[in-house]
C-alpha atoms as a PDB file:
ATOM      1  CA  LEU A   1      -5.326  -6.397  -5.081  1.00  0.00           C
ATOM      2  CA  LEU A   2      -8.646  -6.511  -3.216  1.00  0.00           C
ATOM      3  CA  LYS A   3      -8.971  -7.836   0.308  1.00  0.00           C
ATOM      4  CA  PHE A   4     -11.943  -7.791   2.663  1.00  0.00           C
ATOM      5  CA  LEU A   5     -11.271  -6.968   6.304  1.00  0.00           C
ATOM      6  CA  ASP A   6     -14.320  -8.855   7.562  1.00  0.00           C
ATOM      7  CA  ALA A   7     -14.328 -12.559   8.392  1.00  0.00           C
ATOM      8  CA  ASN A   8     -17.301 -13.244   6.115  1.00  0.00           C
ATOM      9  CA  GLU A   9     -16.776 -11.714   2.651  1.00  0.00           C
ATOM     10  CA  GLU A  10     -20.487 -12.020   1.789  1.00  0.00           C
ATOM     11  CA  ASP A  11     -21.399  -9.657   4.655  1.00  0.00           C
ATOM     12  CA  ALA A  12     -18.268  -7.515   4.317  1.00  0.00           C
ATOM     13  CA  LYS A  13     -18.500  -3.908   5.454  1.00  0.00           C
ATOM     14  CA  SER A  14     -14.856  -2.938   4.805  1.00  0.00           C
ATOM     15  CA  ALA A  15     -12.242  -3.681   2.161  1.00  0.00           C
ATOM     16  CA  VAL A  16      -8.832  -2.521   0.948  1.00  0.00           C
ATOM     17  CA  ILE A  17      -7.755  -2.200  -2.671  1.00  0.00           C
ATOM     18  CA  ASP A  18      -4.279  -1.430  -3.980  1.00  0.00           C
ATOM     19  CA  ILE A  19      -4.069   0.454  -7.268  1.00  0.00           C
ATOM     20  CA  ASP A  20      -0.887   0.599  -9.320  1.00  0.00           C
ATOM     21  CA  TRP A  21      -0.470   3.188 -12.050  1.00  0.00           C
ATOM     22  CA  ARG A  22       2.321   4.517 -14.243  1.00  0.00           C
ATOM     23  CA  SER A  23       2.652   7.992 -15.714  1.00  0.00           C
ATOM     24  CA  CYS A  24       5.198   8.895 -18.347  1.00  0.00           C
ATOM     25  CA  GLY A  25       6.464  12.150 -19.804  1.00  0.00           C
ATOM     26  CA  GLY A  26      10.196  12.865 -20.001  1.00  0.00           C
ATOM     27  CA  SER A  27      10.588   9.889 -17.658  1.00  0.00           C
ATOM     28  CA  CYS A  28       8.187   7.489 -15.996  1.00  0.00           C
ATOM     29  CA  SER A  29       7.062   7.116 -12.424  1.00  0.00           C
ATOM     30  CA  GLU A  30       5.003   4.394 -10.836  1.00  0.00           C
ATOM     31  CA  SER A  31       2.786   4.951  -7.809  1.00  0.00           C
ATOM     32  CA  GLY A  32       0.638   2.815  -5.572  1.00  0.00           C
ATOM     33  CA  LEU A  33      -2.526   3.880  -3.798  1.00  0.00           C
ATOM     34  CA  ALA A  34      -4.057   1.773  -1.051  1.00  0.00           C
ATOM     35  CA  GLN A  35      -7.697   2.750  -0.535  1.00  0.00           C
ATOM     36  CA  VAL A  36      -9.939   1.657   2.326  1.00  0.00           C
ATOM     37  CA  PHE A  37     -13.650   1.352   1.630  1.00  0.00           C
ATOM     38  CA  ILE A  38     -16.510   0.874   4.062  1.00  0.00           C
ATOM     39  CA  VAL A  39     -20.175   0.435   3.237  1.00  0.00           C
ATOM     40  CA  GLN A  40     -22.187   3.524   4.202  1.00  0.00           C
ATOM     41  CA  SER A  41     -25.897   3.686   3.382  1.00  0.00           C
ATOM     42  CA  GLY A  42     -25.472   0.711   1.074  1.00  0.00           C
ATOM     43  CA  HIS A  43     -22.648   2.281  -0.981  1.00  0.00           C
ATOM     44  CA  PRO A  44     -18.873   1.737  -0.912  1.00  0.00           C
ATOM     45  CA  THR A  45     -17.198   4.882   0.396  1.00  0.00           C
ATOM     46  CA  VAL A  46     -13.471   5.687   0.464  1.00  0.00           C
ATOM     47  CA  VAL A  47     -12.547   6.512   4.067  1.00  0.00           C
ATOM     48  CA  GLU A  48      -8.772   6.435   3.798  1.00  0.00           C
ATOM     49  CA  GLN A  49      -6.048   6.336   1.176  1.00  0.00           C
ATOM     50  CA  ILE A  50      -2.302   5.959   1.412  1.00  0.00           C
ATOM     51  CA  ARG A  51      -0.092   6.803  -1.571  1.00  0.00           C
ATOM     52  CA  TYR A  52       3.387   5.318  -1.934  1.00  0.00           C
ATOM     53  CA  GLU A  53       6.144   5.090  -4.546  1.00  0.00           C
ATOM     54  CA  ARG A  54       6.246   1.826  -6.524  1.00  0.00           C
ATOM     55  CA  HIS A  55       9.027   2.673  -8.996  1.00  0.00           C
ATOM     56  CA  ALA A  56      11.249  -0.214  -7.880  1.00  0.00           C
ATOM     57  CA  PRO A  57      11.215  -4.020  -7.931  1.00  0.00           C
ATOM     58  CA  ASN A  58       9.517  -5.840  -5.025  1.00  0.00           C
ATOM     59  CA  THR A  59       7.161  -2.994  -4.129  1.00  0.00           C
ATOM     60  CA  GLY A  60       3.451  -3.356  -3.468  1.00  0.00           C
ATOM     61  CA  ALA A  61       0.831  -4.058  -0.836  1.00  0.00           C
ATOM     62  CA  SER A  62      -0.004  -7.086   1.247  1.00  0.00           C
ATOM     63  CA  ILE A  63      -2.922  -7.450   3.597  1.00  0.00           C
ATOM     64  CA  ASP A  64      -3.273  -9.914   6.435  1.00  0.00           C
ATOM     65  CA  ALA A  65      -7.035  -9.873   7.099  1.00  0.00           C
ATOM     66  CA  ALA A  66      -6.740 -12.178  10.111  1.00  0.00           C
ATOM     67  CA  ALA A  67      -4.168  -9.922  11.810  1.00  0.00           C
ATOM     68  CA  LYS A  68      -5.854  -6.767  10.406  1.00  0.00           C
ATOM     69  CA  THR A  69      -2.564  -5.402   9.066  1.00  0.00           C
ATOM     70  CA  LEU A  70      -1.666  -3.638   5.833  1.00  0.00           C
ATOM     71  CA  THR A  71       1.958  -3.688   4.712  1.00  0.00           C
ATOM     72  CA  LEU A  72       3.112  -1.311   1.978  1.00  0.00           C
ATOM     73  CA  THR A  73       6.552  -1.719   0.459  1.00  0.00           C
ATOM     74  CA  GLY A  74       7.630   1.337  -1.485  1.00  0.00           C
ATOM     75  CA  ARG A  75      10.710   3.010  -2.827  1.00  0.00           C
ATOM     76  CA  SER A  76      12.326   5.038  -0.045  1.00  0.00           C
ATOM     77  CA  SER A  77      12.770   8.797  -0.217  1.00  0.00           C
ATOM     78  CA  GLU A  78      16.530   8.288   0.022  1.00  0.00           C
ATOM     79  CA  PRO A  79      18.188   9.992  -2.999  1.00  0.00           C
ATOM     80  CA  SER A  80      19.111   7.547  -5.752  1.00  0.00           C
ATOM     81  CA  ALA A  81      18.936   7.266  -9.536  1.00  0.00           C
ATOM     82  CA  ASN A  82      15.496   6.520 -10.957  1.00  0.00           C
ATOM     83  CA  CYS A  83      16.789   3.213 -12.328  1.00  0.00           C
ATOM     84  CA  CYS A  84      18.486   2.020  -9.183  1.00  0.00           C
ATOM     85  CA  PRO A  85      16.912   2.650  -5.777  1.00  0.00           C
ATOM     86  CA  LYS A  86      19.204   2.088  -2.822  1.00  0.00           C
ATOM     87  CA  SER A  87      16.471   1.074  -0.396  1.00  0.00           C
ATOM     88  CA  LEU A  88      12.799   0.336   0.172  1.00  0.00           C
ATOM     89  CA  ASP A  89      10.544   1.401   3.029  1.00  0.00           C
ATOM     90  CA  VAL A  90       8.338  -1.323   4.497  1.00  0.00           C
ATOM     91  CA  MET A  91       5.469   0.365   6.326  1.00  0.00           C
ATOM     92  CA  THR A  92       3.001  -1.509   8.519  1.00  0.00           C
ATOM     93  CA  PHE A  93      -0.456  -0.227   9.434  1.00  0.00           C
ATOM     94  CA  LYS A  94      -2.970  -1.722  11.915  1.00  0.00           C
ATOM     95  CA  TRP A  95      -6.746  -1.661  11.408  1.00  0.00           C
ATOM     96  CA  ASN A  96      -8.592  -0.219  14.421  1.00  0.00           C
ATOM     97  CA  GLY A  97     -12.090  -0.873  13.087  1.00  0.00           C
ATOM     98  CA  LYS A  98     -12.399   2.508  11.368  1.00  0.00           C
ATOM     99  CA  GLU A  99      -9.019   3.203   9.779  1.00  0.00           C
ATOM    100  CA  PHE A 100      -5.468   1.986   9.440  1.00  0.00           C
ATOM    101  CA  THR A 101      -3.035   3.575  11.874  1.00  0.00           C
ATOM    102  CA  PHE A 102       0.708   3.668  11.325  1.00  0.00           C
ATOM    103  CA  ALA A 103       2.510   0.985  13.336  1.00  0.00           C
ATOM    104  CA  ASP A 104       6.065   0.630  12.024  1.00  0.00           C
ATOM    105  CA  ARG A 105       8.538   1.473   9.250  1.00  0.00           C
ATOM    106  CA  GLN A 106      11.687  -0.376   8.326  1.00  0.00           C
ATOM    107  CA  ARG A 107      14.156   0.655   5.635  1.00  0.00           C
ATOM    108  CA  VAL A 108      15.689  -2.287   3.803  1.00  0.00           C
ATOM    109  CA  ALA A 109      18.568  -2.188   1.336  1.00  0.00           C
ATOM    110  CA  VAL A 110      17.977  -3.227  -2.260  1.00  0.00           C
ATOM    111  CA  ARG A 111      20.565  -5.939  -2.792  1.00  0.00           C
ATOM    112  CA  ASP A 112      20.669  -5.983  -6.607  1.00  0.00           C
ATOM    113  CA  ASN A 113      22.224  -2.514  -7.020  1.00  0.00           C
ATOM    114  CA  PRO A 114      25.974  -1.897  -7.320  1.00  0.00           C
END
């Protein structure tokens, strides 16, 4: 996922990417990393990153460039089996022109688990 935070993408000075990766050993885990880039001296520079747990269905990032919000949906820290998370955390961040600041968190139940 790549989203520019500026109205005109051709002159964009800031962008957000969401990276998804999986690591496996005795078991697997899946993580997400939202990174914020701004252009400094003509080069993209990471100015912020937010890591979250993606080892569950319906996790990921969404960006509303018009509202300048980043929403990350990740597996909650609530104890549950690796296969069957009980809930997800939906975290909302607001862009202040330099960085995303935490705005809200809601915990939602995963409905497909017994």
